[in-house]
């Protein structure tokens, strides 16, 4: 019997990731899609030029907006618990590939999208995203152009190994759902 493999690039990452096989097995594709996207955006942060600082956190926060609140909350709690386990083992979760996801959870909690109890769990890991959330607040007020631009840059950036197909689909969906509403023509 062959074991299913996770959709991760064939090359071993240079540093640990937030991906946990046990969580992938128990939480399924929503968890895998979210963490793979976080890992790919983190990898892109070194190759995408002329973007605002923390752009990958912003895109992840916008991706979280697309998920049902209860699902996003469960994914956040499980991922933060995994990050705490990594910390207990001597790994710094902020140095893991996919770490911008932890900041995106904090941003979502600061904006009321997720429970504020996540903020306390993140603080226990030494993660405080309140300042970042304040800086990104104007981006969230009118996200359409920025999401389309950032997702487009991510999709065209040179990356080796290339983006996972899951990430490509997620970024394309983000770009497509952040279209500026057209005004009705005046008669």
C-alpha atoms as a PDB file:
ATOM      1  CA  UNK A   1       0.000   0.000   0.000  1.00  0.00           C
ATOM      2  CA  UNK A   2       1.446   3.352  -0.973  1.00  0.00           C
ATOM      3  CA  UNK A   3       1.242   6.240   1.446  1.00  0.00           C
ATOM      4  CA  UNK A   4      -0.142   9.514   0.151  1.00  0.00           C
ATOM      5  CA  UNK A   5       2.426  12.244   0.001  1.00  0.00           C
ATOM      6  CA  UNK A   6       1.924  15.878   0.802  1.00  0.00           C
ATOM      7  CA  UNK A   7       2.219  18.372  -2.066  1.00  0.00           C
ATOM      8  CA  UNK A   8       5.592  19.752  -1.026  1.00  0.00           C
ATOM      9  CA  UNK A   9       8.463  20.549  -3.355  1.00  0.00           C
ATOM     10  CA  UNK A  10      10.830  17.620  -3.769  1.00  0.00           C
ATOM     11  CA  UNK A  11      13.854  19.479  -2.407  1.00  0.00           C
ATOM     12  CA  UNK A  12      14.239  19.395   1.362  1.00  0.00           C
ATOM     13  CA  UNK A  13      13.671  22.866   2.799  1.00  0.00           C
ATOM     14  CA  UNK A  14      16.712  24.615   4.221  1.00  0.00           C
ATOM     15  CA  UNK A  15      14.856  25.217   7.486  1.00  0.00           C
ATOM     16  CA  UNK A  16      11.944  23.557   9.294  1.00  0.00           C
ATOM     17  CA  UNK A  17       8.402  24.347   8.181  1.00  0.00           C
ATOM     18  CA  UNK A  18       5.116  24.875   9.983  1.00  0.00           C
ATOM     19  CA  UNK A  19       3.698  21.901   8.106  1.00  0.00           C
ATOM     20  CA  UNK A  20       2.830  19.053  10.448  1.00  0.00           C
ATOM     21  CA  UNK A  21       1.929  15.693   8.925  1.00  0.00           C
ATOM     22  CA  UNK A  22      -0.313  14.773  11.865  1.00  0.00           C
ATOM     23  CA  UNK A  23      -2.309  17.975  11.472  1.00  0.00           C
ATOM     24  CA  UNK A  24      -2.441  17.439   7.716  1.00  0.00           C
ATOM     25  CA  UNK A  25      -3.918  13.993   8.291  1.00  0.00           C
ATOM     26  CA  UNK A  26      -6.449  15.166  10.874  1.00  0.00           C
ATOM     27  CA  UNK A  27      -7.420  18.583   9.433  1.00  0.00           C
ATOM     28  CA  UNK A  28      -7.109  17.670   5.771  1.00  0.00           C
ATOM     29  CA  UNK A  29      -6.883  19.880   2.741  1.00  0.00           C
ATOM     30  CA  UNK A  30      -7.843  23.249   4.323  1.00  0.00           C
ATOM     31  CA  UNK A  31      -4.815  22.997   6.618  1.00  0.00           C
ATOM     32  CA  UNK A  32      -2.508  21.734   3.870  1.00  0.00           C
ATOM     33  CA  UNK A  33      -3.594  24.480   1.448  1.00  0.00           C
ATOM     34  CA  UNK A  34      -3.107  27.194   4.053  1.00  0.00           C
ATOM     35  CA  UNK A  35       0.315  26.058   5.266  1.00  0.00           C
ATOM     36  CA  UNK A  36       1.652  25.324   1.769  1.00  0.00           C
ATOM     37  CA  UNK A  37       0.575  28.824   0.699  1.00  0.00           C
ATOM     38  CA  UNK A  38       2.293  30.277   3.793  1.00  0.00           C
ATOM     39  CA  UNK A  39       5.492  28.356   3.028  1.00  0.00           C
ATOM     40  CA  UNK A  40       5.498  29.466  -0.608  1.00  0.00           C
ATOM     41  CA  UNK A  41       4.833  33.112   0.268  1.00  0.00           C
ATOM     42  CA  UNK A  42       7.614  32.970   2.836  1.00  0.00           C
ATOM     43  CA  UNK A  43       9.962  31.569   0.179  1.00  0.00           C
ATOM     44  CA  UNK A  44       8.881  34.338  -2.191  1.00  0.00           C
ATOM     45  CA  UNK A  45       9.698  37.062   0.325  1.00  0.00           C
ATOM     46  CA  UNK A  46      13.352  36.800  -0.716  1.00  0.00           C
ATOM     47  CA  UNK A  47      12.734  37.098  -4.461  1.00  0.00           C
ATOM     48  CA  UNK A  48       9.807  39.513  -4.903  1.00  0.00           C
ATOM     49  CA  UNK A  49      11.055  43.080  -5.233  1.00  0.00           C
ATOM     50  CA  UNK A  50       9.421  46.434  -4.657  1.00  0.00           C
ATOM     51  CA  UNK A  51       6.628  45.279  -2.387  1.00  0.00           C
ATOM     52  CA  UNK A  52       5.635  46.657   1.002  1.00  0.00           C
ATOM     53  CA  UNK A  53       7.155  44.994   4.050  1.00  0.00           C
ATOM     54  CA  UNK A  54       4.938  42.162   5.364  1.00  0.00           C
ATOM     55  CA  UNK A  55       3.139  41.794   2.042  1.00  0.00           C
ATOM     56  CA  UNK A  56       3.055  38.020   2.530  1.00  0.00           C
ATOM     57  CA  UNK A  57       1.296  38.447   5.889  1.00  0.00           C
ATOM     58  CA  UNK A  58      -1.298  40.646   4.193  1.00  0.00           C
ATOM     59  CA  UNK A  59      -1.984  38.090   1.446  1.00  0.00           C
ATOM     60  CA  UNK A  60      -2.324  35.322   4.028  1.00  0.00           C
ATOM     61  CA  UNK A  61      -4.722  37.478   6.048  1.00  0.00           C
ATOM     62  CA  UNK A  62      -6.802  38.038   2.902  1.00  0.00           C
ATOM     63  CA  UNK A  63      -6.763  34.288   2.243  1.00  0.00           C
ATOM     64  CA  UNK A  64      -8.031  33.682   5.792  1.00  0.00           C
ATOM     65  CA  UNK A  65     -10.935  36.049   5.021  1.00  0.00           C
ATOM     66  CA  UNK A  66     -12.105  33.570   2.384  1.00  0.00           C
ATOM     67  CA  UNK A  67     -12.423  30.737   4.912  1.00  0.00           C
ATOM     68  CA  UNK A  68     -15.468  30.230   7.131  1.00  0.00           C
ATOM     69  CA  UNK A  69     -14.727  31.827  10.503  1.00  0.00           C
ATOM     70  CA  UNK A  70     -15.011  28.575  12.471  1.00  0.00           C
ATOM     71  CA  UNK A  71     -12.690  26.781  10.054  1.00  0.00           C
ATOM     72  CA  UNK A  72     -10.136  29.599  10.135  1.00  0.00           C
ATOM     73  CA  UNK A  73     -10.285  29.620  13.938  1.00  0.00           C
ATOM     74  CA  UNK A  74      -9.672  25.867  14.149  1.00  0.00           C
ATOM     75  CA  UNK A  75      -6.777  26.041  11.709  1.00  0.00           C
ATOM     76  CA  UNK A  76      -5.278  28.924  13.663  1.00  0.00           C
ATOM     77  CA  UNK A  77      -5.529  27.138  17.012  1.00  0.00           C
ATOM     78  CA  UNK A  78      -4.024  23.926  15.633  1.00  0.00           C
ATOM     79  CA  UNK A  79      -1.174  25.758  13.892  1.00  0.00           C
ATOM     80  CA  UNK A  80      -0.371  27.862  16.949  1.00  0.00           C
ATOM     81  CA  UNK A  81      -0.387  24.718  19.111  1.00  0.00           C
ATOM     82  CA  UNK A  82       2.054  23.124  16.653  1.00  0.00           C
ATOM     83  CA  UNK A  83       4.253  26.247  16.814  1.00  0.00           C
ATOM     84  CA  UNK A  84       4.236  25.953  20.618  1.00  0.00           C
ATOM     85  CA  UNK A  85       5.337  22.310  20.311  1.00  0.00           C
ATOM     86  CA  UNK A  86       8.192  23.397  18.028  1.00  0.00           C
ATOM     87  CA  UNK A  87       9.208  26.028  20.576  1.00  0.00           C
ATOM     88  CA  UNK A  88       9.167  23.417  23.356  1.00  0.00           C
ATOM     89  CA  UNK A  89      11.525  21.307  21.232  1.00  0.00           C
ATOM     90  CA  UNK A  90      13.957  24.214  20.896  1.00  0.00           C
ATOM     91  CA  UNK A  91      12.890  25.338  17.415  1.00  0.00           C
ATOM     92  CA  UNK A  92      11.984  28.978  16.904  1.00  0.00           C
ATOM     93  CA  UNK A  93       8.613  28.909  15.119  1.00  0.00           C
ATOM     94  CA  UNK A  94       9.320  32.406  13.779  1.00  0.00           C
ATOM     95  CA  UNK A  95      12.278  30.965  11.867  1.00  0.00           C
ATOM     96  CA  UNK A  96      10.206  28.196  10.261  1.00  0.00           C
ATOM     97  CA  UNK A  97       9.130  28.425   6.649  1.00  0.00           C
ATOM     98  CA  UNK A  98       5.535  29.578   6.779  1.00  0.00           C
ATOM     99  CA  UNK A  99       6.006  31.751   9.878  1.00  0.00           C
ATOM    100  CA  UNK A 100       4.187  34.735   8.287  1.00  0.00           C
ATOM    101  CA  UNK A 101       1.034  32.688   8.871  1.00  0.00           C
ATOM    102  CA  UNK A 102       1.413  33.207  12.619  1.00  0.00           C
ATOM    103  CA  UNK A 103       1.440  36.978  12.060  1.00  0.00           C
ATOM    104  CA  UNK A 104      -1.587  36.676   9.757  1.00  0.00           C
ATOM    105  CA  UNK A 105      -3.478  34.904  12.551  1.00  0.00           C
ATOM    106  CA  UNK A 106      -2.558  37.751  14.880  1.00  0.00           C
ATOM    107  CA  UNK A 107      -3.721  40.306  12.331  1.00  0.00           C
ATOM    108  CA  UNK A 108      -7.021  38.478  11.852  1.00  0.00           C
ATOM    109  CA  UNK A 109      -7.538  38.433  15.631  1.00  0.00           C
ATOM    110  CA  UNK A 110      -6.695  42.138  15.906  1.00  0.00           C
ATOM    111  CA  UNK A 111      -9.301  42.921  13.235  1.00  0.00           C
ATOM    112  CA  UNK A 112     -11.958  40.778  14.961  1.00  0.00           C
ATOM    113  CA  UNK A 113     -11.970  38.100  12.261  1.00  0.00           C
ATOM    114  CA  UNK A 114     -10.615  35.499  14.703  1.00  0.00           C
ATOM    115  CA  UNK A 115     -10.880  35.177  18.471  1.00  0.00           C
ATOM    116  CA  UNK A 116      -8.724  37.503  20.529  1.00  0.00           C
ATOM    117  CA  UNK A 117      -7.636  34.499  22.620  1.00  0.00           C
ATOM    118  CA  UNK A 118      -5.270  33.757  19.732  1.00  0.00           C
ATOM    119  CA  UNK A 119      -3.409  36.939  20.620  1.00  0.00           C
ATOM    120  CA  UNK A 120      -2.568  35.529  24.060  1.00  0.00           C
ATOM    121  CA  UNK A 121      -1.429  32.217  22.553  1.00  0.00           C
ATOM    122  CA  UNK A 122       0.779  34.054  20.076  1.00  0.00           C
ATOM    123  CA  UNK A 123       2.165  36.265  22.859  1.00  0.00           C
ATOM    124  CA  UNK A 124       3.276  33.132  24.701  1.00  0.00           C
ATOM    125  CA  UNK A 125       5.396  32.389  21.622  1.00  0.00           C
ATOM    126  CA  UNK A 126       6.810  35.922  21.655  1.00  0.00           C
ATOM    127  CA  UNK A 127       4.706  37.005  18.672  1.00  0.00           C
ATOM    128  CA  UNK A 128       2.993  40.378  18.891  1.00  0.00           C
ATOM    129  CA  UNK A 129       1.447  41.511  15.620  1.00  0.00           C
ATOM    130  CA  UNK A 130      -0.490  44.512  16.935  1.00  0.00           C
ATOM    131  CA  UNK A 131       1.911  47.071  15.449  1.00  0.00           C
ATOM    132  CA  UNK A 132       1.909  45.243  12.140  1.00  0.00           C
ATOM    133  CA  UNK A 133      -1.897  45.090  12.167  1.00  0.00           C
ATOM    134  CA  UNK A 134      -2.095  48.844  12.694  1.00  0.00           C
ATOM    135  CA  UNK A 135       0.271  49.404   9.787  1.00  0.00           C
ATOM    136  CA  UNK A 136      -1.738  47.081   7.530  1.00  0.00           C
ATOM    137  CA  UNK A 137      -5.146  48.508   8.533  1.00  0.00           C
ATOM    138  CA  UNK A 138      -5.291  50.904   5.554  1.00  0.00           C
ATOM    139  CA  UNK A 139      -4.452  48.003   3.230  1.00  0.00           C
ATOM    140  CA  UNK A 140      -7.443  46.050   4.521  1.00  0.00           C
ATOM    141  CA  UNK A 141      -9.812  48.993   4.051  1.00  0.00           C
ATOM    142  CA  UNK A 142      -9.335  48.970   0.273  1.00  0.00           C
ATOM    143  CA  UNK A 143      -7.527  45.731  -0.520  1.00  0.00           C
ATOM    144  CA  UNK A 144      -8.551  45.091  -4.112  1.00  0.00           C
ATOM    145  CA  UNK A 145      -5.758  46.743  -6.108  1.00  0.00           C
ATOM    146  CA  UNK A 146      -3.055  45.731  -3.627  1.00  0.00           C
ATOM    147  CA  UNK A 147      -4.159  42.081  -3.478  1.00  0.00           C
ATOM    148  CA  UNK A 148      -4.276  41.858  -7.278  1.00  0.00           C
ATOM    149  CA  UNK A 149      -0.835  43.451  -7.599  1.00  0.00           C
ATOM    150  CA  UNK A 150       0.813  41.338  -4.891  1.00  0.00           C
ATOM    151  CA  UNK A 151      -0.772  38.078  -6.033  1.00  0.00           C
ATOM    152  CA  UNK A 152       0.288  38.868  -9.601  1.00  0.00           C
ATOM    153  CA  UNK A 153       3.872  39.505  -8.530  1.00  0.00           C
ATOM    154  CA  UNK A 154       3.908  36.289  -6.523  1.00  0.00           C
ATOM    155  CA  UNK A 155       2.616  34.306  -9.497  1.00  0.00           C
ATOM    156  CA  UNK A 156       5.282  35.661 -11.853  1.00  0.00           C
ATOM    157  CA  UNK A 157       8.277  35.712  -9.516  1.00  0.00           C
ATOM    158  CA  UNK A 158      11.170  33.383 -10.315  1.00  0.00           C
ATOM    159  CA  UNK A 159      11.233  30.720  -7.633  1.00  0.00           C
ATOM    160  CA  UNK A 160      13.132  27.433  -7.455  1.00  0.00           C
ATOM    161  CA  UNK A 161      11.493  25.038  -6.884  1.00  0.00           C
ATOM    162  CA  UNK A 162       8.417  26.779  -8.326  1.00  0.00           C
ATOM    163  CA  UNK A 163       5.250  27.530  -6.401  1.00  0.00           C
ATOM    164  CA  UNK A 164       3.181  24.496  -5.460  1.00  0.00           C
ATOM    165  CA  UNK A 165       0.092  24.099  -7.622  1.00  0.00           C
ATOM    166  CA  UNK A 166      -1.997  24.637  -4.470  1.00  0.00           C
ATOM    167  CA  UNK A 167      -0.388  28.049  -4.020  1.00  0.00           C
ATOM    168  CA  UNK A 168      -0.881  28.974  -7.664  1.00  0.00           C
ATOM    169  CA  UNK A 169      -4.598  28.174  -7.403  1.00  0.00           C
ATOM    170  CA  UNK A 170      -4.930  30.067  -4.103  1.00  0.00           C
ATOM    171  CA  UNK A 171      -3.192  33.166  -5.474  1.00  0.00           C
ATOM    172  CA  UNK A 172      -5.239  33.092  -8.668  1.00  0.00           C
ATOM    173  CA  UNK A 173      -8.431  32.813  -6.608  1.00  0.00           C
ATOM    174  CA  UNK A 174      -7.345  35.699  -4.378  1.00  0.00           C
ATOM    175  CA  UNK A 175      -6.608  37.839  -7.393  1.00  0.00           C
ATOM    176  CA  UNK A 176      -9.941  36.964  -8.992  1.00  0.00           C
ATOM    177  CA  UNK A 177     -12.012  37.699  -5.879  1.00  0.00           C
ATOM    178  CA  UNK A 178     -10.394  41.076  -5.291  1.00  0.00           C
ATOM    179  CA  UNK A 179     -11.741  42.815  -8.312  1.00  0.00           C
ATOM    180  CA  UNK A 180     -12.815  46.389  -7.884  1.00  0.00           C
ATOM    181  CA  UNK A 181     -16.596  46.602  -8.042  1.00  0.00           C
ATOM    182  CA  UNK A 182     -17.733  48.466 -11.118  1.00  0.00           C
ATOM    183  CA  UNK A 183     -20.138  51.310 -10.778  1.00  0.00           C
ATOM    184  CA  UNK A 184     -23.345  51.210 -12.736  1.00  0.00           C
ATOM    185  CA  UNK A 185     -23.324  53.610 -15.688  1.00  0.00           C
ATOM    186  CA  UNK A 186     -25.325  56.800 -15.193  1.00  0.00           C
ATOM    187  CA  UNK A 187     -28.329  57.159 -17.474  1.00  0.00           C
END
